[in-house]
Each structure stands twice: as C-alpha cells, then as structure tokens.
N, C-alpha and C. Protein backbone atom coordinates (compact mmCIF):
# COMPACT_ATOMS: atom_id res chain seq x y z
N MET A 1 -18.14 21.88 -29.54
CA MET A 1 -16.97 22.74 -29.49
C MET A 1 -15.72 21.91 -29.77
N ILE A 2 -14.86 22.43 -30.59
CA ILE A 2 -13.61 21.77 -30.92
C ILE A 2 -12.53 22.29 -29.97
N VAL A 3 -11.82 21.38 -29.35
CA VAL A 3 -10.75 21.77 -28.43
C VAL A 3 -9.52 22.14 -29.24
N GLN A 4 -8.96 23.29 -28.92
CA GLN A 4 -7.77 23.76 -29.63
C GLN A 4 -6.56 22.92 -29.24
N ARG A 5 -5.49 23.09 -29.99
CA ARG A 5 -4.26 22.35 -29.69
C ARG A 5 -3.64 22.80 -28.38
N THR A 6 -3.79 24.08 -28.04
CA THR A 6 -3.29 24.59 -26.77
C THR A 6 -4.42 25.30 -26.04
N ILE A 7 -4.43 25.19 -24.72
CA ILE A 7 -5.46 25.78 -23.89
C ILE A 7 -4.77 26.58 -22.79
N LEU A 8 -5.15 27.83 -22.63
CA LEU A 8 -4.54 28.66 -21.60
C LEU A 8 -4.81 28.08 -20.23
N LYS A 9 -3.81 28.11 -19.38
CA LYS A 9 -3.96 27.60 -18.01
C LYS A 9 -5.05 28.37 -17.27
N GLN A 10 -5.16 29.67 -17.52
CA GLN A 10 -6.17 30.48 -16.87
C GLN A 10 -7.58 30.02 -17.23
N ASP A 11 -7.78 29.65 -18.49
CA ASP A 11 -9.09 29.17 -18.92
C ASP A 11 -9.44 27.84 -18.26
N ILE A 12 -8.44 27.00 -18.05
CA ILE A 12 -8.66 25.71 -17.41
C ILE A 12 -9.08 25.90 -15.96
N VAL A 13 -8.34 26.72 -15.23
CA VAL A 13 -8.64 26.88 -13.80
C VAL A 13 -9.94 27.64 -13.56
N ARG A 14 -10.34 28.49 -14.50
CA ARG A 14 -11.64 29.16 -14.37
C ARG A 14 -12.77 28.14 -14.34
N LYS A 15 -12.62 27.08 -15.12
CA LYS A 15 -13.65 26.05 -15.17
C LYS A 15 -13.52 25.05 -14.02
N LEU A 16 -12.28 24.68 -13.66
CA LEU A 16 -12.09 23.67 -12.62
C LEU A 16 -12.31 24.23 -11.21
N TYR A 17 -12.01 25.50 -11.01
CA TYR A 17 -12.15 26.12 -9.69
C TYR A 17 -12.99 27.40 -9.80
N PRO A 18 -14.28 27.27 -10.05
CA PRO A 18 -15.11 28.47 -10.26
C PRO A 18 -15.31 29.31 -9.00
N ASN A 19 -15.16 28.73 -7.83
CA ASN A 19 -15.39 29.46 -6.58
C ASN A 19 -14.12 30.06 -6.00
N SER A 20 -13.04 30.01 -6.73
CA SER A 20 -11.77 30.54 -6.26
C SER A 20 -11.82 32.07 -6.22
N ASN A 21 -11.08 32.64 -5.28
CA ASN A 21 -11.08 34.10 -5.12
C ASN A 21 -10.46 34.82 -6.31
N SER A 22 -9.43 34.24 -6.88
CA SER A 22 -8.75 34.89 -8.00
C SER A 22 -8.15 33.82 -8.91
N ILE A 23 -7.74 34.25 -10.08
CA ILE A 23 -7.09 33.34 -11.02
C ILE A 23 -5.78 32.83 -10.43
N ARG A 24 -5.07 33.71 -9.75
CA ARG A 24 -3.78 33.34 -9.15
C ARG A 24 -3.96 32.22 -8.12
N SER A 25 -4.96 32.33 -7.28
CA SER A 25 -5.18 31.28 -6.27
C SER A 25 -5.67 29.99 -6.92
N ALA A 26 -6.45 30.10 -7.99
CA ALA A 26 -6.90 28.91 -8.71
C ALA A 26 -5.72 28.21 -9.37
N LEU A 27 -4.80 28.97 -9.94
CA LEU A 27 -3.60 28.39 -10.54
C LEU A 27 -2.76 27.69 -9.47
N GLN A 28 -2.69 28.30 -8.29
CA GLN A 28 -1.93 27.69 -7.19
C GLN A 28 -2.58 26.38 -6.75
N GLN A 29 -3.90 26.34 -6.72
CA GLN A 29 -4.61 25.10 -6.36
C GLN A 29 -4.30 24.00 -7.37
N LEU A 30 -4.29 24.35 -8.64
CA LEU A 30 -3.98 23.36 -9.67
C LEU A 30 -2.55 22.87 -9.54
N ARG A 31 -1.61 23.78 -9.31
CA ARG A 31 -0.21 23.39 -9.11
C ARG A 31 -0.07 22.46 -7.91
N ASN A 32 -0.75 22.78 -6.83
CA ASN A 32 -0.70 21.93 -5.64
C ASN A 32 -1.25 20.55 -5.94
N GLU A 33 -2.34 20.48 -6.68
CA GLU A 33 -2.94 19.20 -7.03
C GLU A 33 -1.99 18.37 -7.90
N ILE A 34 -1.32 19.02 -8.84
CA ILE A 34 -0.38 18.31 -9.71
C ILE A 34 0.85 17.88 -8.92
N ASP A 35 1.36 18.75 -8.06
CA ASP A 35 2.54 18.40 -7.25
C ASP A 35 2.25 17.28 -6.26
N PHE A 36 1.01 17.19 -5.80
CA PHE A 36 0.62 16.16 -4.83
C PHE A 36 0.66 14.76 -5.44
N CYS A 37 0.50 14.69 -6.76
CA CYS A 37 0.49 13.39 -7.45
C CYS A 37 1.71 13.32 -8.38
N PRO A 38 2.80 12.71 -7.93
CA PRO A 38 4.03 12.69 -8.74
C PRO A 38 3.86 11.97 -10.08
N GLU A 39 2.99 10.98 -10.13
CA GLU A 39 2.76 10.27 -11.39
C GLU A 39 2.12 11.20 -12.42
N LEU A 40 1.14 11.98 -11.99
CA LEU A 40 0.49 12.94 -12.89
C LEU A 40 1.50 13.99 -13.35
N LYS A 41 2.31 14.48 -12.42
CA LYS A 41 3.30 15.50 -12.76
C LYS A 41 4.28 14.98 -13.82
N LYS A 42 4.72 13.74 -13.67
CA LYS A 42 5.65 13.15 -14.63
C LYS A 42 4.99 12.99 -16.00
N GLN A 43 3.73 12.54 -16.02
CA GLN A 43 3.02 12.36 -17.28
C GLN A 43 2.84 13.70 -18.00
N ILE A 44 2.52 14.74 -17.25
CA ILE A 44 2.34 16.06 -17.85
C ILE A 44 3.67 16.57 -18.42
N GLU A 45 4.75 16.37 -17.68
CA GLU A 45 6.07 16.80 -18.17
C GLU A 45 6.48 16.05 -19.43
N LEU A 46 6.15 14.76 -19.49
CA LEU A 46 6.47 13.97 -20.69
C LEU A 46 5.63 14.38 -21.89
N ALA A 47 4.45 14.93 -21.64
CA ALA A 47 3.55 15.32 -22.72
C ALA A 47 3.92 16.66 -23.34
N GLY A 48 4.79 17.41 -22.69
CA GLY A 48 5.19 18.69 -23.27
C GLY A 48 5.75 19.63 -22.23
N ASN A 49 6.14 20.80 -22.69
CA ASN A 49 6.74 21.82 -21.83
C ASN A 49 5.69 22.36 -20.86
N THR A 50 6.06 22.51 -19.60
CA THR A 50 5.12 23.02 -18.59
C THR A 50 5.44 24.46 -18.19
N ARG A 51 6.47 25.04 -18.74
CA ARG A 51 6.88 26.39 -18.37
C ARG A 51 6.26 27.45 -19.28
N ARG A 52 5.11 27.17 -19.80
CA ARG A 52 4.43 28.13 -20.67
C ARG A 52 3.10 28.51 -20.05
N HIS A 53 2.39 29.44 -20.66
CA HIS A 53 1.11 29.91 -20.15
C HIS A 53 -0.05 29.03 -20.61
N TYR A 54 0.27 27.90 -21.21
CA TYR A 54 -0.79 27.04 -21.72
C TYR A 54 -0.40 25.58 -21.55
N TYR A 55 -1.41 24.72 -21.64
CA TYR A 55 -1.20 23.27 -21.68
C TYR A 55 -1.60 22.79 -23.07
N THR A 56 -0.99 21.73 -23.51
CA THR A 56 -1.39 21.12 -24.77
C THR A 56 -2.66 20.31 -24.53
N LYS A 57 -3.28 19.89 -25.61
CA LYS A 57 -4.51 19.10 -25.51
C LYS A 57 -4.23 17.80 -24.76
N GLN A 58 -3.10 17.18 -25.01
CA GLN A 58 -2.75 15.93 -24.33
C GLN A 58 -2.57 16.16 -22.83
N GLN A 59 -1.93 17.25 -22.45
CA GLN A 59 -1.76 17.58 -21.04
C GLN A 59 -3.11 17.85 -20.38
N LEU A 60 -3.99 18.56 -21.09
CA LEU A 60 -5.34 18.82 -20.57
C LEU A 60 -6.08 17.52 -20.31
N LEU A 61 -5.99 16.59 -21.24
CA LEU A 61 -6.67 15.31 -21.07
C LEU A 61 -6.14 14.55 -19.86
N LEU A 62 -4.85 14.62 -19.60
CA LEU A 62 -4.27 13.98 -18.42
C LEU A 62 -4.81 14.61 -17.13
N ILE A 63 -4.91 15.93 -17.12
CA ILE A 63 -5.42 16.63 -15.94
C ILE A 63 -6.89 16.28 -15.72
N LEU A 64 -7.67 16.28 -16.79
CA LEU A 64 -9.09 15.96 -16.67
C LEU A 64 -9.29 14.52 -16.21
N GLU A 65 -8.45 13.61 -16.69
CA GLU A 65 -8.53 12.22 -16.26
C GLU A 65 -8.25 12.11 -14.76
N HIS A 66 -7.32 12.90 -14.28
CA HIS A 66 -7.00 12.90 -12.84
C HIS A 66 -8.21 13.36 -12.02
N PHE A 67 -8.94 14.35 -12.54
CA PHE A 67 -10.12 14.87 -11.85
C PHE A 67 -11.39 14.06 -12.16
N CYS A 68 -11.26 13.01 -12.96
CA CYS A 68 -12.40 12.16 -13.37
C CYS A 68 -13.46 12.99 -14.10
N ILE A 69 -13.01 13.84 -15.01
CA ILE A 69 -13.89 14.67 -15.82
C ILE A 69 -13.64 14.33 -17.28
N THR A 70 -14.70 14.13 -18.03
CA THR A 70 -14.55 13.88 -19.46
C THR A 70 -14.39 15.22 -20.18
N LEU A 71 -13.94 15.15 -21.41
CA LEU A 71 -13.75 16.36 -22.20
C LEU A 71 -15.09 17.05 -22.44
N GLU A 72 -16.14 16.28 -22.64
CA GLU A 72 -17.47 16.86 -22.86
C GLU A 72 -17.96 17.59 -21.62
N GLU A 73 -17.74 17.00 -20.45
CA GLU A 73 -18.13 17.65 -19.19
C GLU A 73 -17.34 18.95 -19.00
N PHE A 74 -16.06 18.92 -19.35
CA PHE A 74 -15.22 20.11 -19.21
C PHE A 74 -15.72 21.23 -20.10
N GLU A 75 -16.13 20.91 -21.30
CA GLU A 75 -16.62 21.93 -22.23
C GLU A 75 -17.91 22.57 -21.72
N GLU A 76 -18.72 21.79 -20.98
CA GLU A 76 -19.98 22.30 -20.45
C GLU A 76 -19.80 23.18 -19.21
N LEU A 77 -18.66 23.06 -18.56
CA LEU A 77 -18.42 23.86 -17.35
C LEU A 77 -18.35 25.33 -17.67
C-alpha cells in the first residue's frame, strides 16, 4: 500500500486506538498523547499545519515513531 501525502486524523486514530468508544474519544487520546510530549508536539508543528482534518505523511511518521510503530506495521493495523 502506498501512503498518501495526507492522511485523515480519523483514519489514524481508528488504527491506533481500535478499542476506543468513539472517534471523538480516540482523537482526544491522540491529542493528550501529543500534548504530553512537548518535543513531539513541536516536531509535528514544524512539519506542517495542525489545524486541519489531516496530518501530512511526515507528521504521521513522527507520530508512529513516538509510538514505536513502523509504517509497515501501521498499514497492517
């Protein structure tokens, strides 16, 4: 599978938090995780705009690196 240039935040949290009650709570969990690590938050902000409904491929890779997940593992989720 080829990763697109932009990935919807909803699609990311569906894979990272499959046991979450709703998409909204999964998005909140991801925001909490990013806010908890100021270095990750700064790197994501430097990689692009965060006020959109999607992350760029570079931002996704930073998030996956934080969770110790490779891109191949993420695609299999």
